[in-house]
Amino acid sequence: MKKKKDFKYYALIFVFSSIAFLVYMLYLRIRNGEFDIELVKSLFYVPIMFTVLLFLFDLVFDKIFTRKGVKGNVQFDAYMQKASNSIQNECDFSIEDYTRLRSDQRFQKGLGQAFRVYDNGETQDLNFDFLERKFKKDTNEYVAFQVVIKEVKKMMEKSQKDYQK
């Protein structure tokens, strides 16, 4: 997932651009032997304008380039919805168990790998046997992942039938 740029990022940009502008002013001071009053006045608005323009540039490019990934995200979202519904229907987990599954990085990585198997098919490195061995057999992650694998196999069969038609 792409990380959003927050206020801290733009504050750092502002600080570094201010420092760079100060260094440039000092260089001109050494070179010319005096400060230019107009240049000192611009110290107050140039870093602000640079930061605002960078923010607008990032905003526009995020709007333009996120449209390409929407189609892939729709398919992944549908997969995640089916997987989570299957886990809820077939597993008798508590709310804490679901919370642990959601925060478990290995389980989330396994979900992504299962989606790649669904999307690209099984490969020598990434297949259902590999995915089944990721978790210990007596854990909730293993039980939930077995449901996910079963759901992925059903989805793959359905997509093959649709492809054959």
N, C-alpha and C. Protein backbone atom coordinates (compact mmCIF):
# COMPACT_ATOMS: atom_id res chain seq x y z
N MET A 1 0.81 -1.18 0.00
CA MET A 1 0.00 0.00 0.00
C MET A 1 0.86 1.25 0.00
N LYS A 2 0.38 2.17 -0.68
CA LYS A 2 1.14 3.41 -0.76
C LYS A 2 0.88 4.26 0.48
N LYS A 3 1.96 4.76 1.07
CA LYS A 3 1.84 5.57 2.27
C LYS A 3 1.51 7.00 1.88
N LYS A 4 0.52 7.58 2.55
CA LYS A 4 0.15 8.97 2.31
C LYS A 4 1.17 9.89 2.96
N LYS A 5 1.41 11.01 2.31
CA LYS A 5 2.33 12.00 2.87
C LYS A 5 1.55 12.87 3.85
N ASP A 6 2.05 12.97 5.06
CA ASP A 6 1.34 13.68 6.09
C ASP A 6 1.96 15.05 6.36
N PHE A 7 1.46 15.71 7.38
CA PHE A 7 1.92 17.05 7.72
C PHE A 7 3.41 17.06 8.06
N LYS A 8 3.88 16.02 8.72
CA LYS A 8 5.28 15.94 9.11
C LYS A 8 6.20 15.98 7.89
N TYR A 9 5.81 15.30 6.83
CA TYR A 9 6.59 15.29 5.59
C TYR A 9 6.72 16.72 5.03
N TYR A 10 5.61 17.42 4.95
CA TYR A 10 5.65 18.78 4.39
C TYR A 10 6.33 19.76 5.34
N ALA A 11 6.27 19.53 6.64
CA ALA A 11 6.99 20.38 7.58
C ALA A 11 8.50 20.20 7.39
N LEU A 12 8.94 18.96 7.17
CA LEU A 12 10.36 18.72 6.90
C LEU A 12 10.79 19.38 5.59
N ILE A 13 9.95 19.30 4.59
CA ILE A 13 10.25 19.96 3.32
C ILE A 13 10.41 21.46 3.54
N PHE A 14 9.51 22.05 4.34
CA PHE A 14 9.60 23.48 4.62
C PHE A 14 10.90 23.82 5.34
N VAL A 15 11.27 23.03 6.33
CA VAL A 15 12.49 23.29 7.10
C VAL A 15 13.72 23.18 6.19
N PHE A 16 13.80 22.10 5.40
CA PHE A 16 14.96 21.93 4.53
C PHE A 16 15.04 22.99 3.44
N SER A 17 13.88 23.42 2.90
CA SER A 17 13.92 24.47 1.89
C SER A 17 14.33 25.80 2.52
N SER A 18 13.92 26.05 3.75
CA SER A 18 14.35 27.28 4.44
C SER A 18 15.86 27.27 4.68
N ILE A 19 16.38 26.12 5.11
CA ILE A 19 17.82 26.00 5.34
C ILE A 19 18.58 26.17 4.03
N ALA A 20 18.09 25.56 2.97
CA ALA A 20 18.75 25.69 1.67
C ALA A 20 18.75 27.14 1.21
N PHE A 21 17.64 27.84 1.42
CA PHE A 21 17.56 29.24 1.03
C PHE A 21 18.51 30.10 1.86
N LEU A 22 18.64 29.79 3.16
CA LEU A 22 19.59 30.52 4.01
C LEU A 22 21.03 30.30 3.55
N VAL A 23 21.35 29.07 3.19
CA VAL A 23 22.70 28.77 2.70
C VAL A 23 22.95 29.56 1.40
N TYR A 24 21.96 29.62 0.53
CA TYR A 24 22.09 30.37 -0.71
C TYR A 24 22.30 31.86 -0.41
N MET A 25 21.55 32.39 0.57
CA MET A 25 21.73 33.80 0.94
C MET A 25 23.14 34.05 1.49
N LEU A 26 23.64 33.15 2.29
CA LEU A 26 25.00 33.30 2.82
C LEU A 26 26.04 33.24 1.71
N TYR A 27 25.84 32.37 0.75
CA TYR A 27 26.74 32.30 -0.40
C TYR A 27 26.74 33.63 -1.16
N LEU A 28 25.57 34.20 -1.38
CA LEU A 28 25.50 35.50 -2.06
C LEU A 28 26.13 36.61 -1.21
N ARG A 29 25.97 36.52 0.10
CA ARG A 29 26.57 37.51 1.00
C ARG A 29 28.09 37.48 0.89
N ILE A 30 28.66 36.27 0.87
CA ILE A 30 30.11 36.12 0.77
C ILE A 30 30.58 36.59 -0.60
N ARG A 31 29.83 36.26 -1.64
CA ARG A 31 30.22 36.59 -3.01
C ARG A 31 30.12 38.09 -3.28
N ASN A 32 29.01 38.72 -2.84
CA ASN A 32 28.78 40.13 -3.14
C ASN A 32 29.27 41.07 -2.04
N GLY A 33 29.45 40.57 -0.84
CA GLY A 33 29.93 41.39 0.26
C GLY A 33 28.83 42.09 1.01
N GLU A 34 27.56 41.95 0.61
CA GLU A 34 26.45 42.57 1.34
C GLU A 34 25.18 41.77 1.13
N PHE A 35 24.21 41.96 2.03
CA PHE A 35 22.91 41.32 1.90
C PHE A 35 22.03 42.13 0.98
N ASP A 36 21.31 41.44 0.15
CA ASP A 36 20.29 42.10 -0.67
C ASP A 36 18.99 42.08 0.13
N ILE A 37 18.42 43.26 0.39
CA ILE A 37 17.22 43.38 1.22
C ILE A 37 16.05 42.61 0.61
N GLU A 38 15.90 42.66 -0.70
CA GLU A 38 14.81 41.93 -1.36
C GLU A 38 14.96 40.42 -1.18
N LEU A 39 16.18 39.96 -1.19
CA LEU A 39 16.44 38.53 -0.99
C LEU A 39 16.10 38.12 0.44
N VAL A 40 16.39 38.97 1.41
CA VAL A 40 16.05 38.69 2.81
C VAL A 40 14.53 38.65 2.97
N LYS A 41 13.82 39.55 2.30
CA LYS A 41 12.35 39.55 2.37
C LYS A 41 11.77 38.26 1.76
N SER A 42 12.40 37.78 0.72
CA SER A 42 11.88 36.58 0.07
C SER A 42 12.07 35.33 0.92
N LEU A 43 12.92 35.40 1.93
CA LEU A 43 13.12 34.26 2.83
C LEU A 43 11.80 33.88 3.51
N PHE A 44 10.90 34.84 3.67
CA PHE A 44 9.65 34.57 4.37
C PHE A 44 8.61 33.90 3.49
N TYR A 45 8.68 34.07 2.18
CA TYR A 45 7.62 33.48 1.35
C TYR A 45 8.11 32.40 0.38
N VAL A 46 9.36 32.34 0.03
CA VAL A 46 9.84 31.34 -0.92
C VAL A 46 9.71 29.91 -0.36
N PRO A 47 10.16 29.60 0.85
CA PRO A 47 9.98 28.23 1.35
C PRO A 47 8.51 27.83 1.49
N ILE A 48 7.67 28.79 1.88
CA ILE A 48 6.24 28.50 1.99
C ILE A 48 5.65 28.18 0.62
N MET A 49 5.99 29.00 -0.36
CA MET A 49 5.48 28.77 -1.72
C MET A 49 5.99 27.44 -2.28
N PHE A 50 7.26 27.11 -2.01
CA PHE A 50 7.82 25.85 -2.48
C PHE A 50 7.07 24.67 -1.87
N THR A 51 6.80 24.74 -0.58
CA THR A 51 6.10 23.66 0.11
C THR A 51 4.66 23.53 -0.39
N VAL A 52 3.99 24.64 -0.58
CA VAL A 52 2.60 24.61 -1.08
C VAL A 52 2.56 24.05 -2.50
N LEU A 53 3.49 24.47 -3.36
CA LEU A 53 3.52 23.94 -4.72
C LEU A 53 3.82 22.44 -4.74
N LEU A 54 4.70 21.99 -3.88
CA LEU A 54 4.99 20.56 -3.78
C LEU A 54 3.75 19.79 -3.32
N PHE A 55 3.03 20.35 -2.34
CA PHE A 55 1.80 19.72 -1.87
C PHE A 55 0.78 19.62 -3.01
N LEU A 56 0.59 20.70 -3.75
CA LEU A 56 -0.36 20.68 -4.87
C LEU A 56 0.08 19.70 -5.97
N PHE A 57 1.36 19.66 -6.24
CA PHE A 57 1.90 18.73 -7.22
C PHE A 57 1.61 17.28 -6.80
N ASP A 58 1.87 16.95 -5.54
CA ASP A 58 1.60 15.61 -5.02
C ASP A 58 0.11 15.29 -5.08
N LEU A 59 -0.71 16.26 -4.76
CA LEU A 59 -2.16 16.06 -4.77
C LEU A 59 -2.66 15.77 -6.18
N VAL A 60 -2.20 16.53 -7.14
CA VAL A 60 -2.63 16.34 -8.53
C VAL A 60 -2.15 14.99 -9.06
N PHE A 61 -0.91 14.65 -8.81
CA PHE A 61 -0.38 13.38 -9.31
C PHE A 61 -1.02 12.17 -8.63
N ASP A 62 -1.38 12.30 -7.36
CA ASP A 62 -2.10 11.21 -6.69
C ASP A 62 -3.46 11.01 -7.33
N LYS A 63 -4.12 12.08 -7.69
CA LYS A 63 -5.43 11.98 -8.35
C LYS A 63 -5.30 11.34 -9.73
N ILE A 64 -4.27 11.71 -10.47
CA ILE A 64 -4.09 11.20 -11.83
C ILE A 64 -3.71 9.73 -11.82
N PHE A 65 -2.74 9.36 -11.02
CA PHE A 65 -2.17 8.01 -11.11
C PHE A 65 -2.87 6.97 -10.25
N THR A 66 -3.81 7.34 -9.39
CA THR A 66 -4.52 6.32 -8.63
C THR A 66 -5.63 5.69 -9.45
N ARG A 67 -6.02 6.29 -10.52
CA ARG A 67 -7.09 5.74 -11.34
C ARG A 67 -6.67 4.44 -12.02
N LYS A 68 -5.38 4.29 -12.32
CA LYS A 68 -4.91 3.07 -12.97
C LYS A 68 -5.07 1.86 -12.07
N GLY A 69 -4.80 2.00 -10.78
CA GLY A 69 -4.81 0.89 -9.86
C GLY A 69 -6.19 0.50 -9.36
N VAL A 70 -7.22 1.25 -9.73
CA VAL A 70 -8.55 0.99 -9.20
C VAL A 70 -9.07 -0.36 -9.66
N LYS A 71 -8.84 -0.76 -10.90
CA LYS A 71 -9.35 -2.03 -11.40
C LYS A 71 -8.74 -3.20 -10.65
N GLY A 72 -7.44 -3.17 -10.43
CA GLY A 72 -6.79 -4.23 -9.67
C GLY A 72 -7.27 -4.26 -8.23
N ASN A 73 -7.52 -3.10 -7.66
CA ASN A 73 -7.99 -3.04 -6.28
C ASN A 73 -9.40 -3.59 -6.15
N VAL A 74 -10.23 -3.42 -7.17
CA VAL A 74 -11.59 -3.94 -7.13
C VAL A 74 -11.56 -5.46 -7.05
N GLN A 75 -10.71 -6.08 -7.85
CA GLN A 75 -10.60 -7.53 -7.83
C GLN A 75 -10.05 -8.01 -6.49
N PHE A 76 -9.06 -7.33 -5.96
CA PHE A 76 -8.50 -7.70 -4.66
C PHE A 76 -9.52 -7.49 -3.56
N ASP A 77 -10.28 -6.40 -3.62
CA ASP A 77 -11.30 -6.14 -2.61
C ASP A 77 -12.38 -7.22 -2.64
N ALA A 78 -12.77 -7.65 -3.84
CA ALA A 78 -13.77 -8.72 -3.94
C ALA A 78 -13.22 -10.01 -3.35
N TYR A 79 -11.96 -10.30 -3.62
CA TYR A 79 -11.31 -11.49 -3.06
C TYR A 79 -11.30 -11.41 -1.53
N MET A 80 -10.89 -10.27 -0.99
CA MET A 80 -10.83 -10.12 0.47
C MET A 80 -12.20 -10.23 1.10
N GLN A 81 -13.21 -9.69 0.42
CA GLN A 81 -14.58 -9.79 0.94
C GLN A 81 -15.04 -11.24 0.99
N LYS A 82 -14.78 -11.99 -0.08
CA LYS A 82 -15.16 -13.40 -0.10
C LYS A 82 -14.40 -14.19 0.95
N ALA A 83 -13.11 -13.93 1.09
CA ALA A 83 -12.31 -14.65 2.07
C ALA A 83 -12.78 -14.35 3.49
N SER A 84 -13.03 -13.09 3.80
CA SER A 84 -13.47 -12.75 5.16
C SER A 84 -14.86 -13.29 5.44
N ASN A 85 -15.75 -13.28 4.45
CA ASN A 85 -17.08 -13.86 4.65
C ASN A 85 -16.98 -15.36 4.90
N SER A 86 -16.12 -16.03 4.17
CA SER A 86 -15.94 -17.48 4.37
C SER A 86 -15.40 -17.78 5.76
N ILE A 87 -14.43 -16.97 6.20
CA ILE A 87 -13.87 -17.18 7.54
C ILE A 87 -14.95 -16.97 8.60
N GLN A 88 -15.76 -15.93 8.43
CA GLN A 88 -16.82 -15.67 9.40
C GLN A 88 -17.86 -16.79 9.43
N ASN A 89 -18.19 -17.33 8.25
CA ASN A 89 -19.22 -18.36 8.18
C ASN A 89 -18.72 -19.71 8.69
N GLU A 90 -17.47 -20.05 8.43
CA GLU A 90 -16.99 -21.39 8.72
C GLU A 90 -16.21 -21.51 10.03
N CYS A 91 -15.73 -20.42 10.54
CA CYS A 91 -14.92 -20.48 11.76
C CYS A 91 -15.69 -19.85 12.92
N ASP A 92 -15.55 -20.44 14.06
CA ASP A 92 -16.22 -19.93 15.26
C ASP A 92 -15.19 -19.19 16.11
N PHE A 93 -14.78 -18.02 15.64
CA PHE A 93 -13.77 -17.23 16.32
C PHE A 93 -14.42 -16.12 17.13
N SER A 94 -13.72 -15.69 18.15
CA SER A 94 -14.16 -14.53 18.93
C SER A 94 -13.69 -13.25 18.24
N ILE A 95 -14.16 -12.15 18.73
CA ILE A 95 -13.77 -10.85 18.16
C ILE A 95 -12.26 -10.65 18.32
N GLU A 96 -11.71 -11.08 19.44
CA GLU A 96 -10.27 -10.95 19.67
C GLU A 96 -9.48 -11.78 18.65
N ASP A 97 -10.01 -12.96 18.30
CA ASP A 97 -9.33 -13.79 17.30
C ASP A 97 -9.30 -13.09 15.94
N TYR A 98 -10.44 -12.48 15.57
CA TYR A 98 -10.47 -11.74 14.31
C TYR A 98 -9.51 -10.55 14.35
N THR A 99 -9.43 -9.89 15.49
CA THR A 99 -8.51 -8.76 15.63
C THR A 99 -7.07 -9.22 15.49
N ARG A 100 -6.74 -10.37 16.09
CA ARG A 100 -5.39 -10.91 15.96
C ARG A 100 -5.08 -11.28 14.52
N LEU A 101 -6.05 -11.87 13.83
CA LEU A 101 -5.84 -12.22 12.43
C LEU A 101 -5.59 -10.97 11.58
N ARG A 102 -6.33 -9.94 11.88
CA ARG A 102 -6.19 -8.69 11.11
C ARG A 102 -4.84 -8.04 11.35
N SER A 103 -4.30 -8.16 12.56
CA SER A 103 -3.03 -7.51 12.87
C SER A 103 -1.82 -8.43 12.64
N ASP A 104 -2.06 -9.70 12.38
CA ASP A 104 -0.97 -10.65 12.17
C ASP A 104 -0.37 -10.45 10.77
N GLN A 105 0.87 -9.99 10.72
CA GLN A 105 1.53 -9.68 9.45
C GLN A 105 1.72 -10.93 8.60
N ARG A 106 2.05 -12.05 9.23
CA ARG A 106 2.24 -13.29 8.46
C ARG A 106 0.94 -13.73 7.80
N PHE A 107 -0.16 -13.61 8.55
CA PHE A 107 -1.46 -13.99 7.99
C PHE A 107 -1.84 -13.06 6.85
N GLN A 108 -1.62 -11.77 7.02
CA GLN A 108 -1.95 -10.80 5.97
C GLN A 108 -1.09 -11.03 4.73
N LYS A 109 0.19 -11.35 4.94
CA LYS A 109 1.06 -11.65 3.82
C LYS A 109 0.59 -12.91 3.11
N GLY A 110 0.15 -13.89 3.88
CA GLY A 110 -0.39 -15.11 3.30
C GLY A 110 -1.64 -14.85 2.47
N LEU A 111 -2.49 -13.93 2.94
CA LEU A 111 -3.68 -13.56 2.16
C LEU A 111 -3.27 -12.95 0.82
N GLY A 112 -2.25 -12.10 0.85
CA GLY A 112 -1.77 -11.51 -0.40
C GLY A 112 -1.18 -12.55 -1.33
N GLN A 113 -0.46 -13.51 -0.76
CA GLN A 113 0.11 -14.57 -1.59
C GLN A 113 -0.99 -15.47 -2.16
N ALA A 114 -2.03 -15.73 -1.38
CA ALA A 114 -3.15 -16.53 -1.89
C ALA A 114 -3.84 -15.80 -3.03
N PHE A 115 -3.94 -14.46 -2.93
CA PHE A 115 -4.52 -13.70 -4.04
C PHE A 115 -3.64 -13.80 -5.29
N ARG A 116 -2.33 -13.77 -5.10
CA ARG A 116 -1.43 -13.91 -6.26
C ARG A 116 -1.60 -15.28 -6.91
N VAL A 117 -1.81 -16.32 -6.10
CA VAL A 117 -2.06 -17.65 -6.66
C VAL A 117 -3.35 -17.62 -7.45
N TYR A 118 -4.37 -16.97 -6.91
CA TYR A 118 -5.64 -16.85 -7.62
C TYR A 118 -5.49 -16.04 -8.91
N ASP A 119 -4.76 -14.95 -8.83
CA ASP A 119 -4.63 -14.03 -9.97
C ASP A 119 -3.68 -14.58 -11.04
N ASN A 120 -2.56 -15.15 -10.64
CA ASN A 120 -1.54 -15.59 -11.60
C ASN A 120 -1.46 -17.09 -11.77
N GLY A 121 -2.13 -17.84 -10.92
CA GLY A 121 -2.02 -19.29 -10.96
C GLY A 121 -0.88 -19.76 -10.08
N GLU A 122 -0.83 -21.07 -9.87
CA GLU A 122 0.22 -21.64 -9.04
C GLU A 122 1.54 -21.65 -9.79
N THR A 123 2.60 -21.36 -9.08
CA THR A 123 3.95 -21.44 -9.64
C THR A 123 4.75 -22.41 -8.79
N GLN A 124 5.97 -22.65 -9.20
CA GLN A 124 6.82 -23.57 -8.45
C GLN A 124 7.15 -23.00 -7.06
N ASP A 125 7.31 -21.70 -6.98
CA ASP A 125 7.65 -21.06 -5.71
C ASP A 125 6.43 -20.76 -4.84
N LEU A 126 5.30 -20.50 -5.46
CA LEU A 126 4.11 -20.08 -4.74
C LEU A 126 2.94 -20.97 -5.15
N ASN A 127 2.59 -21.90 -4.28
CA ASN A 127 1.49 -22.81 -4.56
C ASN A 127 0.74 -23.11 -3.27
N PHE A 128 -0.32 -23.87 -3.37
CA PHE A 128 -1.15 -24.15 -2.20
C PHE A 128 -0.40 -24.95 -1.14
N ASP A 129 0.47 -25.86 -1.55
CA ASP A 129 1.26 -26.62 -0.57
C ASP A 129 2.14 -25.70 0.26
N PHE A 130 2.78 -24.75 -0.41
CA PHE A 130 3.62 -23.77 0.29
C PHE A 130 2.78 -22.94 1.26
N LEU A 131 1.60 -22.52 0.81
CA LEU A 131 0.75 -21.68 1.66
C LEU A 131 0.23 -22.45 2.87
N GLU A 132 -0.07 -23.74 2.69
CA GLU A 132 -0.58 -24.53 3.81
C GLU A 132 0.47 -24.73 4.90
N ARG A 133 1.74 -24.74 4.52
CA ARG A 133 2.81 -24.97 5.49
C ARG A 133 3.23 -23.70 6.25
N LYS A 134 2.63 -22.58 5.96
CA LYS A 134 3.03 -21.32 6.58
C LYS A 134 2.69 -21.25 8.07
N PHE A 135 1.65 -21.98 8.50
CA PHE A 135 1.15 -21.85 9.86
C PHE A 135 1.14 -23.21 10.56
N LYS A 136 1.29 -23.17 11.87
CA LYS A 136 1.22 -24.40 12.68
C LYS A 136 -0.22 -24.90 12.67
N LYS A 137 -0.37 -26.21 12.69
CA LYS A 137 -1.68 -26.82 12.50
C LYS A 137 -2.66 -26.58 13.64
N ASP A 138 -2.21 -26.25 14.80
CA ASP A 138 -3.11 -26.09 15.94
C ASP A 138 -3.44 -24.62 16.24
N THR A 139 -3.24 -23.73 15.27
CA THR A 139 -3.49 -22.31 15.50
C THR A 139 -4.73 -21.84 14.75
N ASN A 140 -5.26 -20.72 15.20
CA ASN A 140 -6.41 -20.11 14.51
C ASN A 140 -6.02 -19.65 13.11
N GLU A 141 -4.77 -19.21 12.94
CA GLU A 141 -4.32 -18.78 11.62
C GLU A 141 -4.39 -19.92 10.62
N TYR A 142 -4.00 -21.11 11.06
CA TYR A 142 -4.04 -22.28 10.18
C TYR A 142 -5.48 -22.60 9.78
N VAL A 143 -6.38 -22.59 10.76
CA VAL A 143 -7.79 -22.89 10.48
C VAL A 143 -8.36 -21.87 9.51
N ALA A 144 -8.11 -20.59 9.78
CA ALA A 144 -8.64 -19.54 8.91
C ALA A 144 -8.01 -19.62 7.52
N PHE A 145 -6.74 -19.95 7.46
CA PHE A 145 -6.07 -20.00 6.16
C PHE A 145 -6.54 -21.19 5.34
N GLN A 146 -6.92 -22.27 6.00
CA GLN A 146 -7.50 -23.41 5.28
C GLN A 146 -8.80 -22.99 4.60
N VAL A 147 -9.59 -22.18 5.28
CA VAL A 147 -10.83 -21.66 4.69
C VAL A 147 -10.51 -20.77 3.50
N VAL A 148 -9.49 -19.93 3.65
CA VAL A 148 -9.09 -19.04 2.56
C VAL A 148 -8.64 -19.85 1.35
N ILE A 149 -7.84 -20.87 1.57
CA ILE A 149 -7.36 -21.71 0.45
C ILE A 149 -8.53 -22.39 -0.24
N LYS A 150 -9.47 -22.89 0.55
CA LYS A 150 -10.65 -23.52 -0.04
C LYS A 150 -11.44 -22.52 -0.89
N GLU A 151 -11.57 -21.30 -0.40
CA GLU A 151 -12.29 -20.26 -1.14
C GLU A 151 -11.55 -19.88 -2.42
N VAL A 152 -10.23 -19.79 -2.35
CA VAL A 152 -9.43 -19.45 -3.54
C VAL A 152 -9.57 -20.55 -4.59
N LYS A 153 -9.56 -21.79 -4.15
CA LYS A 153 -9.73 -22.90 -5.11
C LYS A 153 -11.10 -22.83 -5.78
N LYS A 154 -12.14 -22.49 -5.01
CA LYS A 154 -13.48 -22.34 -5.60
C LYS A 154 -13.49 -21.18 -6.60
N MET A 155 -12.85 -20.08 -6.24
CA MET A 155 -12.82 -18.92 -7.13
C MET A 155 -12.06 -19.25 -8.41
N MET A 156 -10.99 -20.02 -8.29
CA MET A 156 -10.22 -20.40 -9.48
C MET A 156 -11.03 -21.32 -10.39
N GLU A 157 -11.77 -22.26 -9.79
CA GLU A 157 -12.62 -23.14 -10.60
C GLU A 157 -13.70 -22.34 -11.31
N LYS A 158 -14.29 -21.40 -10.60
CA LYS A 158 -15.34 -20.57 -11.21
C LYS A 158 -14.78 -19.73 -12.36
N SER A 159 -13.60 -19.15 -12.16
CA SER A 159 -13.02 -18.34 -13.24
C SER A 159 -12.62 -19.20 -14.43
N GLN A 160 -12.21 -20.45 -14.17
CA GLN A 160 -11.89 -21.35 -15.28
C GLN A 160 -13.15 -21.70 -16.06
N LYS A 161 -14.25 -21.94 -15.36
CA LYS A 161 -15.52 -22.25 -16.04
C LYS A 161 -15.99 -21.04 -16.85
N ASP A 162 -15.84 -19.86 -16.28
CA ASP A 162 -16.22 -18.65 -17.02
C ASP A 162 -15.34 -18.45 -18.24
N TYR A 163 -14.07 -18.80 -18.13
CA TYR A 163 -13.14 -18.66 -19.25
C TYR A 163 -13.46 -19.66 -20.36
N GLN A 164 -13.89 -20.87 -19.98
CA GLN A 164 -14.20 -21.88 -20.96
C GLN A 164 -15.48 -21.57 -21.74
N LYS A 165 -16.36 -20.79 -21.16
CA LYS A 165 -17.63 -20.44 -21.85
C LYS A 165 -17.40 -19.53 -22.96
